[in-house]
PDB file of N, CA and C in Angstrom:
ATOM      1  N   MET A   1      92.494  97.569  95.427  1.00  0.00           N
ATOM      2  CA  MET A   1      93.462  98.645  95.128  1.00  0.00           C
ATOM      3  C   MET A   1      92.727  99.564  94.159  1.00  0.00           C
ATOM      4  N   PHE A   2      93.057 100.899  94.415  1.00  0.00           N
ATOM      5  CA  PHE A   2      92.529 101.939  93.454  1.00  0.00           C
ATOM      6  C   PHE A   2      93.660 102.814  92.928  1.00  0.00           C
ATOM      7  N   ILE A   3      93.447 103.265  91.602  1.00  0.00           N
ATOM      8  CA  ILE A   3      94.274 104.253  91.060  1.00  0.00           C
ATOM      9  C   ILE A   3      93.753 105.468  90.880  1.00  0.00           C
ATOM     10  N   VAL A   4      94.522 106.490  91.112  1.00  0.00           N
ATOM     11  CA  VAL A   4      94.131 107.949  91.077  1.00  0.00           C
ATOM     12  C   VAL A   4      95.004 108.643  89.870  1.00  0.00           C
ATOM     13  N   ILE A   5      94.315 109.192  88.996  1.00  0.00           N
ATOM     14  CA  ILE A   5      95.059 109.892  87.940  1.00  0.00           C
ATOM     15  C   ILE A   5      94.741 111.400  87.984  1.00  0.00           C
ATOM     16  N   GLU A   6      95.868 112.239  87.921  1.00  0.00           N
ATOM     17  CA  GLU A   6      95.669 113.581  87.847  1.00  0.00           C
ATOM     18  C   GLU A   6      96.141 113.999  86.465  1.00  0.00           C
ATOM     19  N   LEU A   7      95.342 114.703  85.617  1.00  0.00           N
ATOM     20  CA  LEU A   7      95.636 115.195  84.250  1.00  0.00           C
ATOM     21  C   LEU A   7      95.762 116.772  84.335  1.00  0.00           C
ATOM     22  N   GLN A   8      96.645 117.307  83.755  1.00  0.00           N
ATOM     23  CA  GLN A   8      96.810 118.719  83.593  1.00  0.00           C
ATOM     24  C   GLN A   8      97.188 118.991  82.159  1.00  0.00           C
ATOM     25  N   LYS A   9      96.238 119.779  81.414  1.00  0.00           N
ATOM     26  CA  LYS A   9      96.403 120.230  80.148  1.00  0.00           C
ATOM     27  C   LYS A   9      97.062 121.693  80.255  1.00  0.00           C
ATOM     28  N   ILE A  10      98.437 121.709  79.979  1.00  0.00           N
ATOM     29  CA  ILE A  10      99.072 122.939  80.204  1.00  0.00           C
ATOM     30  C   ILE A  10      98.974 123.802  79.031  1.00  0.00           C
ATOM     31  N   VAL A  11      99.230 123.427  77.887  1.00  0.00           N
ATOM     32  CA  VAL A  11      98.912 124.265  76.542  1.00  0.00           C
ATOM     33  C   VAL A  11      98.193 123.288  75.718  1.00  0.00           C
ATOM     34  N   ASP A  12      97.953 123.796  74.387  1.00  0.00           N
ATOM     35  CA  ASP A  12      97.107 122.993  73.538  1.00  0.00           C
ATOM     36  C   ASP A  12      97.356 121.498  73.218  1.00  0.00           C
ATOM     37  N   ASN A  13      98.671 121.299  73.084  1.00  0.00           N
ATOM     38  CA  ASN A  13      98.954 119.822  72.776  1.00  0.00           C
ATOM     39  C   ASN A  13      99.850 119.229  73.859  1.00  0.00           C
ATOM     40  N   GLU A  14      99.775 119.728  75.027  1.00  0.00           N
ATOM     41  CA  GLU A  14     100.690 119.158  76.131  1.00  0.00           C
ATOM     42  C   GLU A  14      99.966 118.646  77.347  1.00  0.00           C
ATOM     43  N   ILE A  15      99.815 117.409  77.656  1.00  0.00           N
ATOM     44  CA  ILE A  15      99.112 116.959  78.924  1.00  0.00           C
ATOM     45  C   ILE A  15     100.040 116.164  79.733  1.00  0.00           C
ATOM     46  N   SER A  16     100.188 116.677  81.010  1.00  0.00           N
ATOM     47  CA  SER A  16     100.898 115.908  81.981  1.00  0.00           C
ATOM     48  C   SER A  16      99.955 115.083  82.729  1.00  0.00           C
ATOM     49  N   ASN A  17     100.626 113.982  83.365  1.00  0.00           N
ATOM     50  CA  ASN A  17      99.742 113.152  84.227  1.00  0.00           C
ATOM     51  C   ASN A  17     100.550 112.533  85.352  1.00  0.00           C
ATOM     52  N   ILE A  18      99.825 112.367  86.607  1.00  0.00           N
ATOM     53  CA  ILE A  18     100.434 111.881  87.639  1.00  0.00           C
ATOM     54  C   ILE A  18      99.559 110.690  88.181  1.00  0.00           C
ATOM     55  N   VAL A  19     100.100 109.528  88.275  1.00  0.00           N
ATOM     56  CA  VAL A  19      99.327 108.309  88.605  1.00  0.00           C
ATOM     57  C   VAL A  19      99.871 107.700  90.016  1.00  0.00           C
ATOM     58  N   THR A  20      98.923 107.507  90.814  1.00  0.00           N
ATOM     59  CA  THR A  20      99.259 106.952  92.240  1.00  0.00           C
ATOM     60  C   THR A  20      98.245 105.810  92.387  1.00  0.00           C
ATOM     61  N   THR A  21      98.711 104.818  93.281  1.00  0.00           N
ATOM     62  CA  THR A  21      97.795 103.791  93.731  1.00  0.00           C
ATOM     63  C   THR A  21      97.576 103.816  95.084  1.00  0.00           C
ATOM     64  N   HIS A  22      96.389 103.265  95.639  1.00  0.00           N
ATOM     65  CA  HIS A  22      96.019 103.365  96.869  1.00  0.00           C
ATOM     66  C   HIS A  22      95.250 102.024  97.424  1.00  0.00           C
ATOM     67  N   GLU A  23      95.713 101.711  98.587  1.00  0.00           N
ATOM     68  CA  GLU A  23      95.201 100.406  99.034  1.00  0.00           C
ATOM     69  C   GLU A  23      93.687 100.331  99.172  1.00  0.00           C
ATOM     70  N   ASN A  24      92.965 101.300  99.552  1.00  0.00           N
ATOM     71  CA  ASN A  24      91.537 101.283  99.690  1.00  0.00           C
ATOM     72  C   ASN A  24      90.829 102.471  99.167  1.00  0.00           C
ATOM     73  N   ARG A  25      89.705 102.451  98.997  1.00  0.00           N
ATOM     74  CA  ARG A  25      88.914 103.542  98.282  1.00  0.00           C
ATOM     75  C   ARG A  25      88.794 104.939  99.210  1.00  0.00           C
ATOM     76  N   ARG A  26      88.842 104.752 100.462  1.00  0.00           N
ATOM     77  CA  ARG A  26      88.953 105.976 101.347  1.00  0.00           C
ATOM     78  C   ARG A  26      90.100 106.750 100.979  1.00  0.00           C
ATOM     79  N   GLU A  27      91.321 106.052 100.942  1.00  0.00           N
ATOM     80  CA  GLU A  27      92.604 106.743 100.691  1.00  0.00           C
ATOM     81  C   GLU A  27      92.605 107.356  99.239  1.00  0.00           C
ATOM     82  N   ALA A  28      92.076 106.561  98.377  1.00  0.00           N
ATOM     83  CA  ALA A  28      91.929 107.099  97.014  1.00  0.00           C
ATOM     84  C   ALA A  28      90.921 108.239  96.823  1.00  0.00           C
ATOM     85  N   GLU A  29      89.951 108.263  97.577  1.00  0.00           N
ATOM     86  CA  GLU A  29      88.963 109.406  97.567  1.00  0.00           C
ATOM     87  C   GLU A  29      89.663 110.621  98.230  1.00  0.00           C
ATOM     88  N   SER A  30      90.267 110.443  99.253  1.00  0.00           N
ATOM     89  CA  SER A  30      91.003 111.642 100.005  1.00  0.00           C
ATOM     90  C   SER A  30      92.088 112.233  98.961  1.00  0.00           C
ATOM     91  N   HIS A  31      92.821 111.560  98.245  1.00  0.00           N
ATOM     92  CA  HIS A  31      93.711 111.983  97.263  1.00  0.00           C
ATOM     93  C   HIS A  31      93.054 112.735  96.310  1.00  0.00           C
ATOM     94  N   TYR A  32      91.912 112.094  95.623  1.00  0.00           N
ATOM     95  CA  TYR A  32      91.077 112.608  94.488  1.00  0.00           C
ATOM     96  C   TYR A  32      90.662 113.974  94.924  1.00  0.00           C
ATOM     97  N   HIS A  33      90.111 114.025  96.306  1.00  0.00           N
ATOM     98  CA  HIS A  33      89.452 115.365  96.564  1.00  0.00           C
ATOM     99  C   HIS A  33      90.586 116.464  96.895  1.00  0.00           C
ATOM    100  N   SER A  34      91.906 116.103  97.335  1.00  0.00           N
ATOM    101  CA  SER A  34      93.023 116.875  97.366  1.00  0.00           C
ATOM    102  C   SER A  34      93.297 117.472  96.087  1.00  0.00           C
ATOM    103  N   ILE A  35      93.268 116.776  94.910  1.00  0.00           N
ATOM    104  CA  ILE A  35      93.548 117.048  93.648  1.00  0.00           C
ATOM    105  C   ILE A  35      92.582 118.227  93.197  1.00  0.00           C
ATOM    106  N   LEU A  36      91.234 117.942  93.545  1.00  0.00           N
ATOM    107  CA  LEU A  36      90.200 118.682  93.042  1.00  0.00           C
ATOM    108  C   LEU A  36      90.206 120.062  93.755  1.00  0.00           C
ATOM    109  N   ALA A  37      90.674 120.020  95.131  1.00  0.00           N
ATOM    110  CA  ALA A  37      90.654 121.360  95.789  1.00  0.00           C
ATOM    111  C   ALA A  37      91.676 122.263  95.216  1.00  0.00           C
ATOM    112  N   ALA A  38      92.738 121.639  94.803  1.00  0.00           N
ATOM    113  CA  ALA A  38      93.714 122.465  94.030  1.00  0.00           C
ATOM    114  C   ALA A  38      93.308 122.880  92.643  1.00  0.00           C
ATOM    115  N   ALA A  39      92.726 121.910  92.011  1.00  0.00           N
ATOM    116  CA  ALA A  39      92.128 122.168  90.663  1.00  0.00           C
ATOM    117  C   ALA A  39      91.224 123.321  90.589  1.00  0.00           C
ATOM    118  N   ALA A  40      90.294 123.442  91.678  1.00  0.00           N
ATOM    119  CA  ALA A  40      89.291 124.505  91.724  1.00  0.00           C
ATOM    120  C   ALA A  40      89.845 125.906  91.474  1.00  0.00           C
ATOM    121  N   ILE A  41      90.917 125.984  92.177  1.00  0.00           N
ATOM    122  CA  ILE A  41      91.672 127.435  92.112  1.00  0.00           C
ATOM    123  C   ILE A  41      92.919 127.533  91.237  1.00  0.00           C
ATOM    124  N   SER A  42      93.128 126.317  90.488  1.00  0.00           N
ATOM    125  CA  SER A  42      94.144 126.372  89.730  1.00  0.00           C
ATOM    126  C   SER A  42      94.080 127.341  88.504  1.00  0.00           C
ATOM    127  N   THR A  43      95.283 127.713  87.834  1.00  0.00           N
ATOM    128  CA  THR A  43      95.376 128.592  86.563  1.00  0.00           C
ATOM    129  C   THR A  43      95.582 127.658  85.518  1.00  0.00           C
ATOM    130  N   ILE A  44      95.591 126.399  85.640  1.00  0.00           N
ATOM    131  CA  ILE A  44      95.878 125.471  84.559  1.00  0.00           C
ATOM    132  C   ILE A  44      94.436 125.286  83.767  1.00  0.00           C
ATOM    133  N   PRO A  45      94.726 125.371  82.350  1.00  0.00           N
ATOM    134  CA  PRO A  45      93.464 125.454  81.584  1.00  0.00           C
ATOM    135  C   PRO A  45      92.533 124.299  81.767  1.00  0.00           C
ATOM    136  N   VAL A  46      92.875 123.041  81.980  1.00  0.00           N
ATOM    137  CA  VAL A  46      92.135 121.872  82.139  1.00  0.00           C
ATOM    138  C   VAL A  46      92.835 121.001  83.143  1.00  0.00           C
ATOM    139  N   HIS A  47      92.183 120.807  84.296  1.00  0.00           N
ATOM    140  CA  HIS A  47      92.763 120.132  85.427  1.00  0.00           C
ATOM    141  C   HIS A  47      91.730 118.946  85.984  1.00  0.00           C
ATOM    142  N   THR A  48      92.121 117.619  85.881  1.00  0.00           N
ATOM    143  CA  THR A  48      91.199 116.558  85.978  1.00  0.00           C
ATOM    144  C   THR A  48      91.693 115.667  87.070  1.00  0.00           C
ATOM    145  N   ALA A  49      90.816 115.107  87.831  1.00  0.00           N
ATOM    146  CA  ALA A  49      91.159 113.883  88.584  1.00  0.00           C
ATOM    147  C   ALA A  49      90.103 112.712  88.379  1.00  0.00           C
ATOM    148  N   ILE A  50      90.683 111.500  88.427  1.00  0.00           N
ATOM    149  CA  ILE A  50      89.875 110.315  88.159  1.00  0.00           C
ATOM    150  C   ILE A  50      90.390 109.244  89.083  1.00  0.00           C
ATOM    151  N   ILE A  51      89.436 108.477  89.430  1.00  0.00           N
ATOM    152  CA  ILE A  51      89.645 107.214  90.343  1.00  0.00           C
ATOM    153  C   ILE A  51      89.224 105.974  89.587  1.00  0.00           C
ATOM    154  N   LEU A  52      90.170 105.095  89.408  1.00  0.00           N
ATOM    155  CA  LEU A  52      89.908 103.891  88.662  1.00  0.00           C
ATOM    156  C   LEU A  52      90.007 102.592  89.481  1.00  0.00           C
ATOM    157  N   SER A  53      89.182 101.594  89.331  1.00  0.00           N
ATOM    158  CA  SER A  53      89.251 100.448  90.205  1.00  0.00           C
ATOM    159  C   SER A  53      90.625  99.680  89.566  1.00  0.00           C
ATOM    160  N   GLU A  54      91.113  98.675  90.211  1.00  0.00           N
ATOM    161  CA  GLU A  54      92.272  97.901  89.778  1.00  0.00           C
ATOM    162  C   GLU A  54      91.981  97.328  88.531  1.00  0.00           C
ATOM    163  N   LYS A  55      90.659  97.117  88.051  1.00  0.00           N
ATOM    164  CA  LYS A  55      90.460  96.636  86.745  1.00  0.00           C
ATOM    165  C   LYS A  55      90.335  97.598  85.706  1.00  0.00           C
ATOM    166  N   GLY A  56      90.455  98.861  86.017  1.00  0.00           N
ATOM    167  CA  GLY A  56      90.443 100.023  85.011  1.00  0.00           C
ATOM    168  C   GLY A  56      88.975 100.602  84.964  1.00  0.00           C
ATOM    169  N   LEU A  57      88.058 100.123  85.805  1.00  0.00           N
ATOM    170  CA  LEU A  57      86.753 100.704  85.624  1.00  0.00           C
ATOM    171  C   LEU A  57      86.711 102.095  86.455  1.00  0.00           C
ATOM    172  N   PRO A  58      86.039 102.992  85.777  1.00  0.00           N
ATOM    173  CA  PRO A  58      85.941 104.513  86.398  1.00  0.00           C
ATOM    174  C   PRO A  58      85.109 104.459  87.667  1.00  0.00           C
ATOM    175  N   VAL A  59      85.591 105.005  88.788  1.00  0.00           N
ATOM    176  CA  VAL A  59      84.769 105.029  89.976  1.00  0.00           C
ATOM    177  C   VAL A  59      84.325 106.491  90.159  1.00  0.00           C
ATOM    178  N   MET A  60      85.209 107.620  89.941  1.00  0.00           N
ATOM    179  CA  MET A  60      84.842 108.974  90.193  1.00  0.00           C
ATOM    180  C   MET A  60      85.673 109.746  89.019  1.00  0.00           C
ATOM    181  N   PHE A  61      85.077 110.855  88.630  1.00  0.00           N
ATOM    182  CA  PHE A  61      85.792 111.712  87.622  1.00  0.00           C
ATOM    183  C   PHE A  61      85.239 113.144  87.783  1.00  0.00           C
ATOM    184  N   GLN A  62      86.082 114.125  87.776  1.00  0.00           N
ATOM    185  CA  GLN A  62      85.716 115.495  87.808  1.00  0.00           C
ATOM    186  C   GLN A  62      86.835 116.333  86.989  1.00  0.00           C
ATOM    187  N   CYS A  63      86.356 117.315  86.325  1.00  0.00           N
ATOM    188  CA  CYS A  63      87.272 118.146  85.431  1.00  0.00           C
ATOM    189  C   CYS A  63      86.888 119.710  85.724  1.00  0.00           C
ATOM    190  N   TYR A  64      87.941 120.447  85.968  1.00  0.00           N
ATOM    191  CA  TYR A  64      87.920 121.829  85.963  1.00  0.00           C
ATOM    192  C   TYR A  64      88.444 122.564  84.709  1.00  0.00           C
ATOM    193  N   GLU A  65      87.684 123.312  84.088  1.00  0.00           N
ATOM    194  CA  GLU A  65      88.211 124.024  82.855  1.00  0.00           C
ATOM    195  C   GLU A  65      88.261 125.486  83.296  1.00  0.00           C
ATOM    196  N   HIS A  66      89.387 126.124  83.072  1.00  0.00           N
ATOM    197  CA  HIS A  66      89.500 127.615  83.509  1.00  0.00           C
ATOM    198  C   HIS A  66      90.048 128.303  82.286  1.00  0.00           C
ATOM    199  N   GLU A  67      89.337 129.472  82.044  1.00  0.00           N
ATOM    200  CA  GLU A  67      89.802 130.492  80.839  1.00  0.00           C
ATOM    201  C   GLU A  67      91.138 130.858  81.227  1.00  0.00           C
ATOM    202  N   THR A  68      92.053 131.058  80.306  1.00  0.00           N
ATOM    203  CA  THR A  68      93.245 131.509  80.606  1.00  0.00           C
ATOM    204  C   THR A  68      93.463 132.809  80.855  1.00  0.00           C
ATOM    205  N   ASP A  69      92.481 133.688  80.721  1.00  0.00           N
ATOM    206  CA  ASP A  69      92.389 135.057  81.058  1.00  0.00           C
ATOM    207  C   ASP A  69      91.483 135.457  82.025  1.00  0.00           C
ATOM    208  N   GLU A  70      90.944 134.519  82.965  1.00  0.00           N
ATOM    209  CA  GLU A  70      90.097 134.600  84.010  1.00  0.00           C
ATOM    210  C   GLU A  70      90.721 135.446  85.030  1.00  0.00           C
ATOM    211  N   THR A  71      89.888 136.273  85.704  1.00  0.00           N
ATOM    212  CA  THR A  71      90.312 137.297  86.665  1.00  0.00           C
ATOM    213  C   THR A  71      89.636 137.151  88.037  1.00  0.00           C
ATOM    214  N   ASP A  72      88.848 136.022  88.356  1.00  0.00           N
ATOM    215  CA  ASP A  72      88.210 135.755  89.520  1.00  0.00           C
ATOM    216  C   ASP A  72      89.272 135.498  90.617  1.00  0.00           C
TER     217      ASP A  72
END
């Protein structure tokens, strides 16, 4: 079993999280990459995806940081 965590830092002191579990690594990686696809174009200042093993060991991690006044 694998755990996927999505973190979103909305404002300075507010972080939301979404936690899901997946039966195998392929399903976890698919969800992880879906989060990152959205995070790449997100306007959320900090948008992170993490995969953990069922023992809590990190498997994959990536974070996008966006400037709030970015115009790209």
